[in-house]
Amino acid sequence: MTNTTNDNADLVNADELLETLWKPNSRPSARWLRDRTLSGEVPCVKLGGLVFYSVEQVRAVFYGVPAPTFKTVDLSPEGSREEYREAARKNRDAVERAFLASEMQPEA
C-alpha cells in the first residue's frame, strides 16, 4: 500500500501490520489478527468494508506499553476527517507518553 497523503501515513492493512510487528518465523496468521480485531482486543480504523491499523497503537497493546484510551472514529462519508485527525493525534501522543513512562521505570 503506497500512501500519497499524510492522512493515512500511520495506517497499514492487516498484512503490513503482521510483517511490521512480527518476524516471519513467529508471525501469527491473518485469521488470528482478524479474530482479535473482531473481539476488540486490537484497535483498528474501519473505513467502509476495509480495516486499517495504527502500528503504534497495536504495538502498545501487544508489547506491554500501558495502553492509552483509543477513540473509535467513524470514517463513513458522514464522518469528519478533522475528527479522525484529532483522534489520531491524541492516540499517538498517548502512546508516546505511555512508552516514555515505561522507559523511566526502574528495572526490577
C-alpha atoms as a PDB file:
ATOM      1  CA  MET A   1       0.000   0.000   0.000  1.00  0.00           C
ATOM      2  CA  THR A   2       1.503   3.309  -1.058  1.00  0.00           C
ATOM      3  CA  ASN A   3       0.337   6.390   0.776  1.00  0.00           C
ATOM      4  CA  THR A   4       0.117   9.560  -1.275  1.00  0.00           C
ATOM      5  CA  THR A   5      -1.012  11.839   1.570  1.00  0.00           C
ATOM      6  CA  ASN A   6      -0.163  12.196   5.217  1.00  0.00           C
ATOM      7  CA  ASP A   7      -3.789  11.494   6.180  1.00  0.00           C
ATOM      8  CA  ASN A   8      -3.225   7.721   6.069  1.00  0.00           C
ATOM      9  CA  ALA A   9       0.547   7.690   6.668  1.00  0.00           C
ATOM     10  CA  ASP A  10       0.239   5.933  10.035  1.00  0.00           C
ATOM     11  CA  LEU A  11      -2.312   3.332   8.947  1.00  0.00           C
ATOM     12  CA  VAL A  12      -1.492  -0.087   7.493  1.00  0.00           C
ATOM     13  CA  ASN A  13      -3.535  -3.077   6.396  1.00  0.00           C
ATOM     14  CA  ALA A  14      -3.502  -6.454   8.179  1.00  0.00           C
ATOM     15  CA  ASP A  15      -0.670  -7.972   6.119  1.00  0.00           C
ATOM     16  CA  GLU A  16       1.546  -4.927   6.596  1.00  0.00           C
ATOM     17  CA  LEU A  17       0.843  -4.917  10.331  1.00  0.00           C
ATOM     18  CA  LEU A  18       1.814  -8.571  10.692  1.00  0.00           C
ATOM     19  CA  GLU A  19       5.017  -8.015   8.684  1.00  0.00           C
ATOM     20  CA  THR A  20       5.923  -4.929  10.724  1.00  0.00           C
ATOM     21  CA  LEU A  21       5.389  -6.305  14.224  1.00  0.00           C
ATOM     22  CA  TRP A  22       6.433  -9.960  13.945  1.00  0.00           C
ATOM     23  CA  LYS A  23       9.358 -11.852  12.465  1.00  0.00           C
ATOM     24  CA  PRO A  24       8.427 -14.342   9.717  1.00  0.00           C
ATOM     25  CA  ASN A  25       9.038 -17.425  11.870  1.00  0.00           C
ATOM     26  CA  SER A  26       6.858 -16.170  14.747  1.00  0.00           C
ATOM     27  CA  ARG A  27       4.168 -14.234  12.863  1.00  0.00           C
ATOM     28  CA  PRO A  28       0.545 -15.055  13.722  1.00  0.00           C
ATOM     29  CA  SER A  29      -1.928 -15.702  10.930  1.00  0.00           C
ATOM     30  CA  ALA A  30      -4.233 -13.146   9.350  1.00  0.00           C
ATOM     31  CA  ARG A  31      -7.152 -15.105  10.803  1.00  0.00           C
ATOM     32  CA  TRP A  32      -5.695 -14.713  14.320  1.00  0.00           C
ATOM     33  CA  LEU A  33      -5.450 -10.951  13.774  1.00  0.00           C
ATOM     34  CA  ARG A  34      -8.981 -10.786  12.372  1.00  0.00           C
ATOM     35  CA  ASP A  35     -10.352 -12.682  15.393  1.00  0.00           C
ATOM     36  CA  ARG A  36      -8.550 -10.319  17.799  1.00  0.00           C
ATOM     37  CA  THR A  37      -9.839  -7.327  15.856  1.00  0.00           C
ATOM     38  CA  LEU A  38     -13.435  -8.556  15.963  1.00  0.00           C
ATOM     39  CA  SER A  39     -13.180  -9.211  19.718  1.00  0.00           C
ATOM     40  CA  GLY A  40     -11.950  -5.653  20.293  1.00  0.00           C
ATOM     41  CA  GLU A  41      -8.501  -6.668  21.569  1.00  0.00           C
ATOM     42  CA  VAL A  42      -6.779  -4.924  18.665  1.00  0.00           C
ATOM     43  CA  PRO A  43      -7.589  -1.264  17.952  1.00  0.00           C
ATOM     44  CA  CYS A  44      -8.427  -0.507  14.336  1.00  0.00           C
ATOM     45  CA  VAL A  45      -9.928   2.049  11.982  1.00  0.00           C
ATOM     46  CA  LYS A  46     -12.792   0.850   9.799  1.00  0.00           C
ATOM     47  CA  LEU A  47     -13.364   2.624   6.516  1.00  0.00           C
ATOM     48  CA  GLY A  48     -16.373   1.156   4.775  1.00  0.00           C
ATOM     49  CA  GLY A  49     -15.562  -2.555   4.474  1.00  0.00           C
ATOM     50  CA  LEU A  50     -11.808  -2.015   4.935  1.00  0.00           C
ATOM     51  CA  VAL A  51      -9.894  -2.310   8.192  1.00  0.00           C
ATOM     52  CA  PHE A  52      -6.665  -0.444   8.926  1.00  0.00           C
ATOM     53  CA  TYR A  53      -4.361  -0.449  11.929  1.00  0.00           C
ATOM     54  CA  SER A  54      -2.036   2.022  13.606  1.00  0.00           C
ATOM     55  CA  VAL A  55       1.257   0.204  14.209  1.00  0.00           C
ATOM     56  CA  GLU A  56       1.928   2.338  17.306  1.00  0.00           C
ATOM     57  CA  GLN A  57      -1.454   1.540  18.865  1.00  0.00           C
ATOM     58  CA  VAL A  58      -1.189  -2.194  18.229  1.00  0.00           C
ATOM     59  CA  ARG A  59       2.409  -2.257  19.468  1.00  0.00           C
ATOM     60  CA  ALA A  60       1.219  -0.572  22.673  1.00  0.00           C
ATOM     61  CA  VAL A  61      -1.389  -3.288  23.182  1.00  0.00           C
ATOM     62  CA  PHE A  62       0.846  -6.295  22.484  1.00  0.00           C
ATOM     63  CA  TYR A  63       4.215  -5.214  23.823  1.00  0.00           C
ATOM     64  CA  GLY A  64       3.310  -4.208  27.346  1.00  0.00           C
ATOM     65  CA  VAL A  65       3.296  -0.449  26.978  1.00  0.00           C
ATOM     66  CA  PRO A  66       0.361   0.786  29.052  1.00  0.00           C
ATOM     67  CA  ALA A  67      -2.433   1.110  26.542  1.00  0.00           C
ATOM     68  CA  PRO A  68      -3.890   4.582  26.171  1.00  0.00           C
ATOM     69  CA  THR A  69      -7.579   5.123  25.634  1.00  0.00           C
ATOM     70  CA  PHE A  70      -8.336   4.750  21.958  1.00  0.00           C
ATOM     71  CA  LYS A  71     -11.185   6.655  20.392  1.00  0.00           C
ATOM     72  CA  THR A  72     -13.281   4.944  17.730  1.00  0.00           C
ATOM     73  CA  VAL A  73     -13.824   7.250  14.782  1.00  0.00           C
ATOM     74  CA  ASP A  74     -16.485   6.861  12.121  1.00  0.00           C
ATOM     75  CA  LEU A  75     -14.858   7.347   8.721  1.00  0.00           C
ATOM     76  CA  SER A  76     -18.020   6.785   6.724  1.00  0.00           C
ATOM     77  CA  PRO A  77     -18.916   9.554   4.265  1.00  0.00           C
ATOM     78  CA  GLU A  78     -20.801  11.251   7.097  1.00  0.00           C
ATOM     79  CA  GLY A  79     -17.752  11.045   9.415  1.00  0.00           C
ATOM     80  CA  SER A  80     -15.482  14.023   9.923  1.00  0.00           C
ATOM     81  CA  ARG A  81     -11.928  13.942   8.560  1.00  0.00           C
ATOM     82  CA  GLU A  82     -10.957  16.537  11.167  1.00  0.00           C
ATOM     83  CA  GLU A  83     -12.385  14.284  13.894  1.00  0.00           C
ATOM     84  CA  TYR A  84     -10.164  11.459  12.620  1.00  0.00           C
ATOM     85  CA  ARG A  85      -7.063  13.661  12.530  1.00  0.00           C
ATOM     86  CA  GLU A  86      -7.645  14.916  16.071  1.00  0.00           C
ATOM     87  CA  ALA A  87      -8.272  11.397  17.421  1.00  0.00           C
ATOM     88  CA  ALA A  88      -5.166  10.062  15.649  1.00  0.00           C
ATOM     89  CA  ARG A  89      -3.024  12.859  17.106  1.00  0.00           C
ATOM     90  CA  LYS A  90      -4.343  12.240  20.631  1.00  0.00           C
ATOM     91  CA  ASN A  91      -3.814   8.484  20.313  1.00  0.00           C
ATOM     92  CA  ARG A  92      -0.252   8.977  19.026  1.00  0.00           C
ATOM     93  CA  ASP A  93       0.519  11.375  21.892  1.00  0.00           C
ATOM     94  CA  ALA A  94      -0.917   8.947  24.461  1.00  0.00           C
ATOM     95  CA  VAL A  95       1.190   6.050  23.126  1.00  0.00           C
ATOM     96  CA  GLU A  96       4.319   8.205  23.220  1.00  0.00           C
ATOM     97  CA  ARG A  97       3.646   9.323  26.814  1.00  0.00           C
ATOM     98  CA  ALA A  98       2.981   5.738  27.929  1.00  0.00           C
ATOM     99  CA  PHE A  99       6.162   4.494  26.239  1.00  0.00           C
ATOM    100  CA  LEU A 100       8.282   7.236  27.805  1.00  0.00           C
ATOM    101  CA  ALA A 101       6.765   6.497  31.220  1.00  0.00           C
ATOM    102  CA  SER A 102       7.616   2.807  30.862  1.00  0.00           C
ATOM    103  CA  GLU A 103      11.208   3.679  29.895  1.00  0.00           C
ATOM    104  CA  MET A 104      11.593   5.681  33.112  1.00  0.00           C
ATOM    105  CA  GLN A 105      10.528   2.818  35.360  1.00  0.00           C
ATOM    106  CA  PRO A 106      13.405   1.286  37.342  1.00  0.00           C
ATOM    107  CA  GLU A 107      14.254  -2.273  36.369  1.00  0.00           C
ATOM    108  CA  ALA A 108      13.310  -4.922  38.918  1.00  0.00           C
END
